[in-house]
Structures are given as C-alpha cells and as structure tokens.
All heavy atoms as atom14 arrays in JSON, in Angstrom:
{
  "sequence": "VVESGGGLVQPGGSLRLSCAASGFTLDYYHIKWFRQVPGK",
  "atom14_mask": [
    [1, 1, 1, 1, 1, 1, 1, 0, 0, 0, 0, 0, 0, 0],
    [1, 1, 1, 1, 1, 1, 1, 0, 0, 0, 0, 0, 0, 0],
    [1, 1, 1, 1, 1, 1, 1, 1, 1, 0, 0, 0, 0, 0],
    [1, 1, 1, 1, 1, 1, 0, 0, 0, 0, 0, 0, 0, 0],
    [1, 1, 1, 1, 0, 0, 0, 0, 0, 0, 0, 0, 0, 0],
    [1, 1, 1, 1, 0, 0, 0, 0, 0, 0, 0, 0, 0, 0],
    [1, 1, 1, 1, 0, 0, 0, 0, 0, 0, 0, 0, 0, 0],
    [1, 1, 1, 1, 1, 1, 1, 1, 0, 0, 0, 0, 0, 0],
    [1, 1, 1, 1, 1, 1, 1, 0, 0, 0, 0, 0, 0, 0],
    [1, 1, 1, 1, 1, 1, 1, 1, 1, 0, 0, 0, 0, 0],
    [1, 1, 1, 1, 1, 1, 1, 0, 0, 0, 0, 0, 0, 0],
    [1, 1, 1, 1, 0, 0, 0, 0, 0, 0, 0, 0, 0, 0],
    [1, 1, 1, 1, 0, 0, 0, 0, 0, 0, 0, 0, 0, 0],
    [1, 1, 1, 1, 1, 1, 0, 0, 0, 0, 0, 0, 0, 0],
    [1, 1, 1, 1, 1, 1, 1, 1, 0, 0, 0, 0, 0, 0],
    [1, 1, 1, 1, 1, 1, 1, 1, 1, 1, 1, 0, 0, 0],
    [1, 1, 1, 1, 1, 1, 1, 1, 0, 0, 0, 0, 0, 0],
    [1, 1, 1, 1, 1, 1, 0, 0, 0, 0, 0, 0, 0, 0],
    [1, 1, 1, 1, 1, 1, 0, 0, 0, 0, 0, 0, 0, 0],
    [1, 1, 1, 1, 1, 0, 0, 0, 0, 0, 0, 0, 0, 0],
    [1, 1, 1, 1, 1, 0, 0, 0, 0, 0, 0, 0, 0, 0],
    [1, 1, 1, 1, 1, 1, 0, 0, 0, 0, 0, 0, 0, 0],
    [1, 1, 1, 1, 0, 0, 0, 0, 0, 0, 0, 0, 0, 0],
    [1, 1, 1, 1, 1, 1, 1, 1, 1, 1, 1, 0, 0, 0],
    [1, 1, 1, 1, 1, 1, 1, 0, 0, 0, 0, 0, 0, 0],
    [1, 1, 1, 1, 1, 1, 1, 1, 0, 0, 0, 0, 0, 0],
    [1, 1, 1, 1, 1, 1, 1, 1, 0, 0, 0, 0, 0, 0],
    [1, 1, 1, 1, 1, 1, 1, 1, 1, 1, 1, 1, 0, 0],
    [1, 1, 1, 1, 1, 1, 1, 1, 1, 1, 1, 1, 0, 0],
    [1, 1, 1, 1, 1, 1, 1, 1, 1, 1, 0, 0, 0, 0],
    [1, 1, 1, 1, 1, 1, 1, 1, 0, 0, 0, 0, 0, 0],
    [1, 1, 1, 1, 1, 1, 1, 1, 1, 0, 0, 0, 0, 0],
    [1, 1, 1, 1, 1, 1, 1, 1, 1, 1, 1, 1, 1, 1],
    [1, 1, 1, 1, 1, 1, 1, 1, 1, 1, 1, 0, 0, 0],
    [1, 1, 1, 1, 1, 1, 1, 1, 1, 1, 1, 0, 0, 0],
    [1, 1, 1, 1, 1, 1, 1, 1, 1, 0, 0, 0, 0, 0],
    [1, 1, 1, 1, 1, 1, 1, 0, 0, 0, 0, 0, 0, 0],
    [1, 1, 1, 1, 1, 1, 1, 0, 0, 0, 0, 0, 0, 0],
    [1, 1, 1, 1, 0, 0, 0, 0, 0, 0, 0, 0, 0, 0],
    [1, 1, 1, 1, 1, 1, 1, 1, 1, 0, 0, 0, 0, 0]
  ],
  "atom14_positions": [
    [[-4.99, 16.91, -67.62], [-6.32, 17.13, -67.01], [-6.26, 18.61, -66.49], [-5.23, 19.01, -66.02], [-6.64, 16.2, -65.86], [-6.96, 14.75, -66.52], [-5.49, 16.09, -64.86], [0.0, 0.0, 0.0], [0.0, 0.0, 0.0], [0.0, 0.0, 0.0], [0.0, 0.0, 0.0], [0.0, 0.0, 0.0], [0.0, 0.0, 0.0], [0.0, 0.0, 0.0]],
    [[-7.4, 19.19, -66.46], [-7.71, 20.56, -65.98], [-8.83, 20.6, -65.11], [-9.94, 20.21, -65.53], [-7.74, 21.56, -67.19], [-7.98, 22.94, -66.67], [-6.52, 21.57, -67.99], [0.0, 0.0, 0.0], [0.0, 0.0, 0.0], [0.0, 0.0, 0.0], [0.0, 0.0, 0.0], [0.0, 0.0, 0.0], [0.0, 0.0, 0.0], [0.0, 0.0, 0.0]],
    [[-8.62, 21.11, -63.94], [-9.67, 21.27, -63.02], [-10.47, 22.63, -63.12], [-9.66, 23.64, -63.42], [-9.3, 21.24, -61.52], [-8.61, 19.83, -61.14], [-6.91, 20.09, -61.31], [-6.5, 20.88, -62.08], [-6.2, 19.22, -60.67], [0.0, 0.0, 0.0], [0.0, 0.0, 0.0], [0.0, 0.0, 0.0], [0.0, 0.0, 0.0], [0.0, 0.0, 0.0]],
    [[-11.66, 22.75, -62.83], [-12.44, 23.87, -62.91], [-13.61, 23.94, -61.88], [-13.92, 22.86, -61.4], [-12.94, 24.31, -64.27], [-13.89, 23.33, -64.69], [0.0, 0.0, 0.0], [0.0, 0.0, 0.0], [0.0, 0.0, 0.0], [0.0, 0.0, 0.0], [0.0, 0.0, 0.0], [0.0, 0.0, 0.0], [0.0, 0.0, 0.0], [0.0, 0.0, 0.0]],
    [[-14.03, 24.99, -61.59], [-15.36, 25.12, -60.74], [-15.1, 25.59, -59.29], [-16.05, 25.71, -58.56], [0.0, 0.0, 0.0], [0.0, 0.0, 0.0], [0.0, 0.0, 0.0], [0.0, 0.0, 0.0], [0.0, 0.0, 0.0], [0.0, 0.0, 0.0], [0.0, 0.0, 0.0], [0.0, 0.0, 0.0], [0.0, 0.0, 0.0], [0.0, 0.0, 0.0]],
    [[-13.84, 25.81, -58.93], [-13.66, 26.31, -57.54], [-14.02, 27.75, -57.33], [-14.35, 28.46, -58.41], [0.0, 0.0, 0.0], [0.0, 0.0, 0.0], [0.0, 0.0, 0.0], [0.0, 0.0, 0.0], [0.0, 0.0, 0.0], [0.0, 0.0, 0.0], [0.0, 0.0, 0.0], [0.0, 0.0, 0.0], [0.0, 0.0, 0.0], [0.0, 0.0, 0.0]],
    [[-14.09, 28.23, -56.14], [-14.5, 29.55, -55.94], [-14.71, 29.81, -54.47], [-14.35, 28.96, -53.54], [0.0, 0.0, 0.0], [0.0, 0.0, 0.0], [0.0, 0.0, 0.0], [0.0, 0.0, 0.0], [0.0, 0.0, 0.0], [0.0, 0.0, 0.0], [0.0, 0.0, 0.0], [0.0, 0.0, 0.0], [0.0, 0.0, 0.0], [0.0, 0.0, 0.0]],
    [[-15.4, 30.91, -54.14], [-15.7, 31.37, -52.77], [-17.14, 31.06, -52.52], [-18.02, 31.42, -53.4], [-15.4, 32.83, -52.55], [-15.98, 33.36, -51.08], [-15.07, 32.75, -50.16], [-15.7, 34.91, -51.19], [0.0, 0.0, 0.0], [0.0, 0.0, 0.0], [0.0, 0.0, 0.0], [0.0, 0.0, 0.0], [0.0, 0.0, 0.0], [0.0, 0.0, 0.0]],
    [[-17.46, 30.23, -51.56], [-18.89, 29.93, -51.18], [-19.06, 29.98, -49.68], [-18.06, 29.81, -48.88], [-19.19, 28.61, -51.71], [-18.38, 27.47, -50.91], [-20.61, 28.2, -51.6], [0.0, 0.0, 0.0], [0.0, 0.0, 0.0], [0.0, 0.0, 0.0], [0.0, 0.0, 0.0], [0.0, 0.0, 0.0], [0.0, 0.0, 0.0], [0.0, 0.0, 0.0]],
    [[-20.18, 30.28, -49.18], [-20.52, 30.35, -47.78], [-20.75, 28.94, -47.22], [-21.08, 28.09, -47.9], [-21.87, 31.25, -47.59], [-21.64, 32.6, -47.88], [-22.82, 33.44, -47.49], [-23.97, 32.98, -47.36], [-22.65, 34.86, -47.5], [0.0, 0.0, 0.0], [0.0, 0.0, 0.0], [0.0, 0.0, 0.0], [0.0, 0.0, 0.0], [0.0, 0.0, 0.0]],
    [[-20.49, 28.83, -45.94], [-20.74, 27.56, -45.29], [-22.25, 27.19, -45.56], [-23.16, 27.85, -45.54], [-20.65, 27.83, -43.84], [-19.56, 28.91, -43.76], [-19.98, 29.82, -44.94], [0.0, 0.0, 0.0], [0.0, 0.0, 0.0], [0.0, 0.0, 0.0], [0.0, 0.0, 0.0], [0.0, 0.0, 0.0], [0.0, 0.0, 0.0], [0.0, 0.0, 0.0]],
    [[-22.35, 25.78, -45.83], [-23.68, 25.23, -46.29], [-23.97, 25.29, -47.7], [-24.91, 24.66, -48.18], [0.0, 0.0, 0.0], [0.0, 0.0, 0.0], [0.0, 0.0, 0.0], [0.0, 0.0, 0.0], [0.0, 0.0, 0.0], [0.0, 0.0, 0.0], [0.0, 0.0, 0.0], [0.0, 0.0, 0.0], [0.0, 0.0, 0.0], [0.0, 0.0, 0.0]],
    [[-23.1, 26.05, -48.47], [-23.35, 26.1, -49.93], [-22.78, 24.97, -50.74], [-22.24, 24.01, -50.09], [0.0, 0.0, 0.0], [0.0, 0.0, 0.0], [0.0, 0.0, 0.0], [0.0, 0.0, 0.0], [0.0, 0.0, 0.0], [0.0, 0.0, 0.0], [0.0, 0.0, 0.0], [0.0, 0.0, 0.0], [0.0, 0.0, 0.0], [0.0, 0.0, 0.0]],
    [[-22.85, 25.0, -52.09], [-22.49, 24.02, -52.89], [-21.56, 24.46, -53.93], [-21.62, 25.61, -54.44], [-23.72, 23.29, -53.49], [-24.45, 22.78, -52.53], [0.0, 0.0, 0.0], [0.0, 0.0, 0.0], [0.0, 0.0, 0.0], [0.0, 0.0, 0.0], [0.0, 0.0, 0.0], [0.0, 0.0, 0.0], [0.0, 0.0, 0.0], [0.0, 0.0, 0.0]],
    [[-20.6, 23.61, -54.5], [-19.86, 23.86, -55.64], [-19.82, 22.47, -56.35], [-19.85, 21.44, -55.81], [-18.47, 24.24, -55.35], [-18.22, 25.78, -54.76], [-16.83, 25.88, -54.3], [-18.58, 26.72, -55.91], [0.0, 0.0, 0.0], [0.0, 0.0, 0.0], [0.0, 0.0, 0.0], [0.0, 0.0, 0.0], [0.0, 0.0, 0.0], [0.0, 0.0, 0.0]],
    [[-19.6, 22.61, -57.74], [-19.33, 21.47, -58.54], [-18.06, 21.64, -59.25], [-17.73, 22.53, -60.14], [-20.51, 21.24, -59.56], [-20.39, 19.94, -60.34], [-21.57, 19.77, -61.29], [-21.67, 18.46, -61.97], [-22.14, 17.31, -61.47], [-22.72, 17.35, -60.28], [-22.01, 16.2, -62.18], [0.0, 0.0, 0.0], [0.0, 0.0, 0.0], [0.0, 0.0, 0.0]],
    [[-17.01, 20.77, -59.03], [-15.74, 20.74, -59.61], [-15.76, 19.81, -60.8], [-16.37, 18.82, -60.75], [-14.66, 20.38, -58.66], [-14.59, 21.11, -57.28], [-13.32, 20.65, -56.51], [-14.51, 22.66, -57.52], [0.0, 0.0, 0.0], [0.0, 0.0, 0.0], [0.0, 0.0, 0.0], [0.0, 0.0, 0.0], [0.0, 0.0, 0.0], [0.0, 0.0, 0.0]],
    [[-15.02, 20.18, -61.9], [-14.89, 19.28, -63.07], [-13.35, 19.03, -63.26], [-12.68, 19.93, -63.2], [-15.69, 19.95, -64.19], [-16.98, 19.88, -64.15], [0.0, 0.0, 0.0], [0.0, 0.0, 0.0], [0.0, 0.0, 0.0], [0.0, 0.0, 0.0], [0.0, 0.0, 0.0], [0.0, 0.0, 0.0], [0.0, 0.0, 0.0], [0.0, 0.0, 0.0]],
    [[-13.13, 17.72, -63.74], [-11.77, 17.42, -64.19], [-11.99, 17.05, -65.55], [-12.58, 16.04, -65.93], [-11.31, 16.26, -63.35], [-9.68, 15.45, -63.81], [0.0, 0.0, 0.0], [0.0, 0.0, 0.0], [0.0, 0.0, 0.0], [0.0, 0.0, 0.0], [0.0, 0.0, 0.0], [0.0, 0.0, 0.0], [0.0, 0.0, 0.0], [0.0, 0.0, 0.0]],
    [[-11.32, 17.74, -66.45], [-11.55, 17.61, -67.95], [-10.26, 17.16, -68.45], [-9.13, 17.53, -68.21], [-11.91, 18.94, -68.54], [0.0, 0.0, 0.0], [0.0, 0.0, 0.0], [0.0, 0.0, 0.0], [0.0, 0.0, 0.0], [0.0, 0.0, 0.0], [0.0, 0.0, 0.0], [0.0, 0.0, 0.0], [0.0, 0.0, 0.0], [0.0, 0.0, 0.0]],
    [[-10.43, 16.07, -69.35], [-9.15, 15.43, -69.93], [-8.9, 15.95, -71.31], [-9.78, 16.35, -72.11], [-9.32, 13.97, -70.12], [0.0, 0.0, 0.0], [0.0, 0.0, 0.0], [0.0, 0.0, 0.0], [0.0, 0.0, 0.0], [0.0, 0.0, 0.0], [0.0, 0.0, 0.0], [0.0, 0.0, 0.0], [0.0, 0.0, 0.0], [0.0, 0.0, 0.0]],
    [[-7.62, 15.93, -71.73], [-7.14, 16.29, -73.01], [-6.26, 15.2, -73.54], [-5.21, 14.91, -72.82], [-6.57, 17.76, -73.08], [-6.08, 17.93, -74.38], [0.0, 0.0, 0.0], [0.0, 0.0, 0.0], [0.0, 0.0, 0.0], [0.0, 0.0, 0.0], [0.0, 0.0, 0.0], [0.0, 0.0, 0.0], [0.0, 0.0, 0.0], [0.0, 0.0, 0.0]],
    [[-6.5, 14.65, -74.76], [-5.55, 13.69, -75.17], [-5.77, 12.26, -74.76], [-5.08, 11.32, -75.32], [0.0, 0.0, 0.0], [0.0, 0.0, 0.0], [0.0, 0.0, 0.0], [0.0, 0.0, 0.0], [0.0, 0.0, 0.0], [0.0, 0.0, 0.0], [0.0, 0.0, 0.0], [0.0, 0.0, 0.0], [0.0, 0.0, 0.0], [0.0, 0.0, 0.0]],
    [[-6.75, 12.0, -74.04], [-7.05, 10.66, -73.7], [-8.56, 10.61, -73.1], [-9.14, 11.57, -72.81], [-6.05, 10.0, -72.58], [-6.16, 10.68, -71.36], [-6.77, 10.05, -70.22], [-5.61, 11.95, -71.09], [-6.72, 10.69, -68.94], [-5.58, 12.55, -69.82], [-6.24, 11.93, -68.76], [0.0, 0.0, 0.0], [0.0, 0.0, 0.0], [0.0, 0.0, 0.0]],
    [[-9.1, 9.48, -73.0], [-10.48, 9.17, -72.43], [-10.35, 8.85, -71.04], [-9.77, 7.71, -70.72], [-11.17, 8.11, -73.3], [-11.14, 8.5, -74.64], [-12.46, 7.82, -72.8], [0.0, 0.0, 0.0], [0.0, 0.0, 0.0], [0.0, 0.0, 0.0], [0.0, 0.0, 0.0], [0.0, 0.0, 0.0], [0.0, 0.0, 0.0], [0.0, 0.0, 0.0]],
    [[-10.97, 9.52, -70.21], [-11.07, 9.28, -68.74], [-11.69, 8.02, -68.39], [-11.45, 7.4, -67.24], [-11.61, 10.52, -68.04], [-10.84, 11.74, -67.86], [-11.59, 12.83, -67.13], [-9.48, 11.49, -67.24], [0.0, 0.0, 0.0], [0.0, 0.0, 0.0], [0.0, 0.0, 0.0], [0.0, 0.0, 0.0], [0.0, 0.0, 0.0], [0.0, 0.0, 0.0]],
    [[-12.42, 7.48, -69.28], [-13.29, 6.3, -68.91], [-12.38, 5.12, -68.67], [-12.73, 4.24, -67.87], [-14.14, 6.0, -70.12], [-15.16, 4.83, -69.88], [-15.86, 4.89, -68.94], [-14.99, 3.73, -70.52], [0.0, 0.0, 0.0], [0.0, 0.0, 0.0], [0.0, 0.0, 0.0], [0.0, 0.0, 0.0], [0.0, 0.0, 0.0], [0.0, 0.0, 0.0]],
    [[-11.15, 5.17, -69.19], [-10.12, 3.99, -69.01], [-9.41, 4.07, -67.79], [-8.61, 3.16, -67.49], [-9.24, 3.96, -70.15], [-9.92, 3.76, -71.49], [-9.65, 4.57, -72.7], [-10.83, 2.75, -71.74], [-10.21, 4.38, -73.85], [-11.54, 2.57, -72.9], [-11.15, 3.27, -73.96], [-11.78, 3.14, -75.29], [0.0, 0.0, 0.0], [0.0, 0.0, 0.0]],
    [[-9.47, 5.16, -67.0], [-8.67, 5.41, -65.84], [-9.4, 5.58, -64.54], [-10.62, 5.96, -64.51], [-7.81, 6.61, -66.16], [-6.87, 6.6, -67.31], [-7.32, 6.84, -68.56], [-5.61, 6.03, -67.27], [-6.59, 6.76, -69.76], [-4.78, 5.87, -68.3], [-5.27, 6.21, -69.59], [-4.41, 6.06, -70.72], [0.0, 0.0, 0.0], [0.0, 0.0, 0.0]],
    [[-8.63, 5.33, -63.45], [-9.07, 5.67, -62.13], [-8.85, 7.09, -61.89], [-7.58, 7.51, -62.02], [-8.38, 4.77, -61.13], [-8.42, 3.27, -61.44], [-9.45, 2.5, -61.16], [-7.41, 2.53, -62.16], [-9.2, 1.27, -61.55], [-8.02, 1.25, -62.29], [0.0, 0.0, 0.0], [0.0, 0.0, 0.0], [0.0, 0.0, 0.0], [0.0, 0.0, 0.0]],
    [[-9.82, 7.86, -61.38], [-9.61, 9.26, -61.26], [-9.92, 9.58, -59.77], [-11.01, 9.34, -59.22], [-10.58, 10.08, -62.18], [-10.48, 9.69, -63.57], [-10.33, 11.56, -61.98], [-9.23, 9.86, -64.1], [0.0, 0.0, 0.0], [0.0, 0.0, 0.0], [0.0, 0.0, 0.0], [0.0, 0.0, 0.0], [0.0, 0.0, 0.0], [0.0, 0.0, 0.0]],
    [[-8.99, 10.31, -59.12], [-9.1, 10.62, -57.62], [-8.89, 12.14, -57.43], [-8.07, 12.71, -58.11], [-7.99, 9.9, -56.95], [-8.23, 9.94, -55.39], [-7.33, 8.97, -54.67], [-7.5, 8.88, -53.23], [-6.74, 7.86, -52.57], [0.0, 0.0, 0.0], [0.0, 0.0, 0.0], [0.0, 0.0, 0.0], [0.0, 0.0, 0.0], [0.0, 0.0, 0.0]],
    [[-9.78, 12.71, -56.65], [-9.61, 14.0, -56.18], [-8.95, 14.07, -54.84], [-9.32, 13.32, -53.82], [-11.15, 14.63, -56.05], [-11.75, 15.02, -57.25], [-12.68, 14.25, -57.95], [-11.59, 16.27, -58.01], [-13.21, 14.9, -59.02], [-12.49, 16.13, -59.17], [-10.88, 17.32, -57.84], [-12.57, 17.18, -60.05], [-10.9, 18.52, -58.81], [-11.81, 18.38, -59.94]],
    [[-8.0, 14.96, -54.82], [-7.18, 15.22, -53.67], [-7.43, 16.67, -53.21], [-7.78, 17.53, -53.99], [-5.74, 14.98, -53.87], [-5.3, 13.66, -54.12], [-5.35, 13.16, -55.44], [-4.87, 12.81, -53.08], [-4.92, 11.83, -55.68], [-4.48, 11.67, -53.32], [-4.48, 11.02, -54.64], [0.0, 0.0, 0.0], [0.0, 0.0, 0.0], [0.0, 0.0, 0.0]],
    [[-7.14, 17.07, -52.04], [-7.14, 18.44, -51.56], [-5.87, 18.66, -50.64], [-5.5, 17.78, -49.99], [-8.42, 18.87, -50.92], [-8.75, 18.15, -49.59], [-10.06, 18.54, -49.14], [-10.4, 17.88, -47.85], [-11.73, 17.94, -47.36], [-12.67, 18.62, -47.86], [-11.91, 17.32, -46.13], [0.0, 0.0, 0.0], [0.0, 0.0, 0.0], [0.0, 0.0, 0.0]],
    [[-5.4, 19.85, -50.78], [-4.21, 20.16, -49.87], [-4.34, 21.55, -49.34], [-4.67, 22.57, -50.07], [-3.01, 20.06, -50.7], [-1.72, 20.16, -49.89], [-0.49, 19.66, -50.65], [-0.47, 19.66, -51.81], [0.51, 19.26, -49.86], [0.0, 0.0, 0.0], [0.0, 0.0, 0.0], [0.0, 0.0, 0.0], [0.0, 0.0, 0.0], [0.0, 0.0, 0.0]],
    [[-4.04, 21.7, -48.04], [-3.85, 23.08, -47.42], [-2.4, 23.26, -47.06], [-1.71, 22.27, -46.64], [-4.64, 23.11, -46.18], [-4.58, 24.4, -45.35], [-6.05, 22.88, -46.4], [0.0, 0.0, 0.0], [0.0, 0.0, 0.0], [0.0, 0.0, 0.0], [0.0, 0.0, 0.0], [0.0, 0.0, 0.0], [0.0, 0.0, 0.0], [0.0, 0.0, 0.0]],
    [[-1.76, 24.45, -47.25], [-0.35, 24.66, -46.94], [0.04, 24.21, -45.61], [-0.68, 24.54, -44.55], [-0.22, 26.22, -47.17], [-1.23, 26.5, -48.14], [-2.5, 25.68, -47.89], [0.0, 0.0, 0.0], [0.0, 0.0, 0.0], [0.0, 0.0, 0.0], [0.0, 0.0, 0.0], [0.0, 0.0, 0.0], [0.0, 0.0, 0.0], [0.0, 0.0, 0.0]],
    [[1.11, 23.5, -45.53], [1.63, 22.87, -44.29], [0.98, 21.73, -43.72], [1.29, 21.14, -42.86], [0.0, 0.0, 0.0], [0.0, 0.0, 0.0], [0.0, 0.0, 0.0], [0.0, 0.0, 0.0], [0.0, 0.0, 0.0], [0.0, 0.0, 0.0], [0.0, 0.0, 0.0], [0.0, 0.0, 0.0], [0.0, 0.0, 0.0], [0.0, 0.0, 0.0]],
    [[0.06, 21.06, -44.47], [-0.7, 19.88, -44.2], [-0.52, 18.8, -45.33], [-0.18, 19.16, -46.48], [-2.12, 20.13, -43.97], [-2.4, 20.99, -42.77], [-3.88, 21.12, -42.56], [-4.48, 19.78, -42.14], [-5.93, 19.96, -41.7], [0.0, 0.0, 0.0], [0.0, 0.0, 0.0], [0.0, 0.0, 0.0], [0.0, 0.0, 0.0], [0.0, 0.0, 0.0]]
  ]
}
C-alpha cells in the first residue's frame, strides 16, 4: 500500500489522504489509518 495526499495546510483547512493497493483488492481487508509524532 502507498499513501498520498499529505502536505502543508493552514488550521481550518482540508486534506484528502489516499491509501492505494498494489497486488491485492482492499475490499477484502480491514484498513486503518494511524498517525505518529516523534517521541509519542
């Protein structure tokens, strides 16, 4: 899987992230978004 769509945005703005699959169909799987900040 490959994520895309990140970037710099002002508070109150919007972004759309995408998780694209290669070699399998995502429909068959549970997909979870995580986030991480260094040290947390």
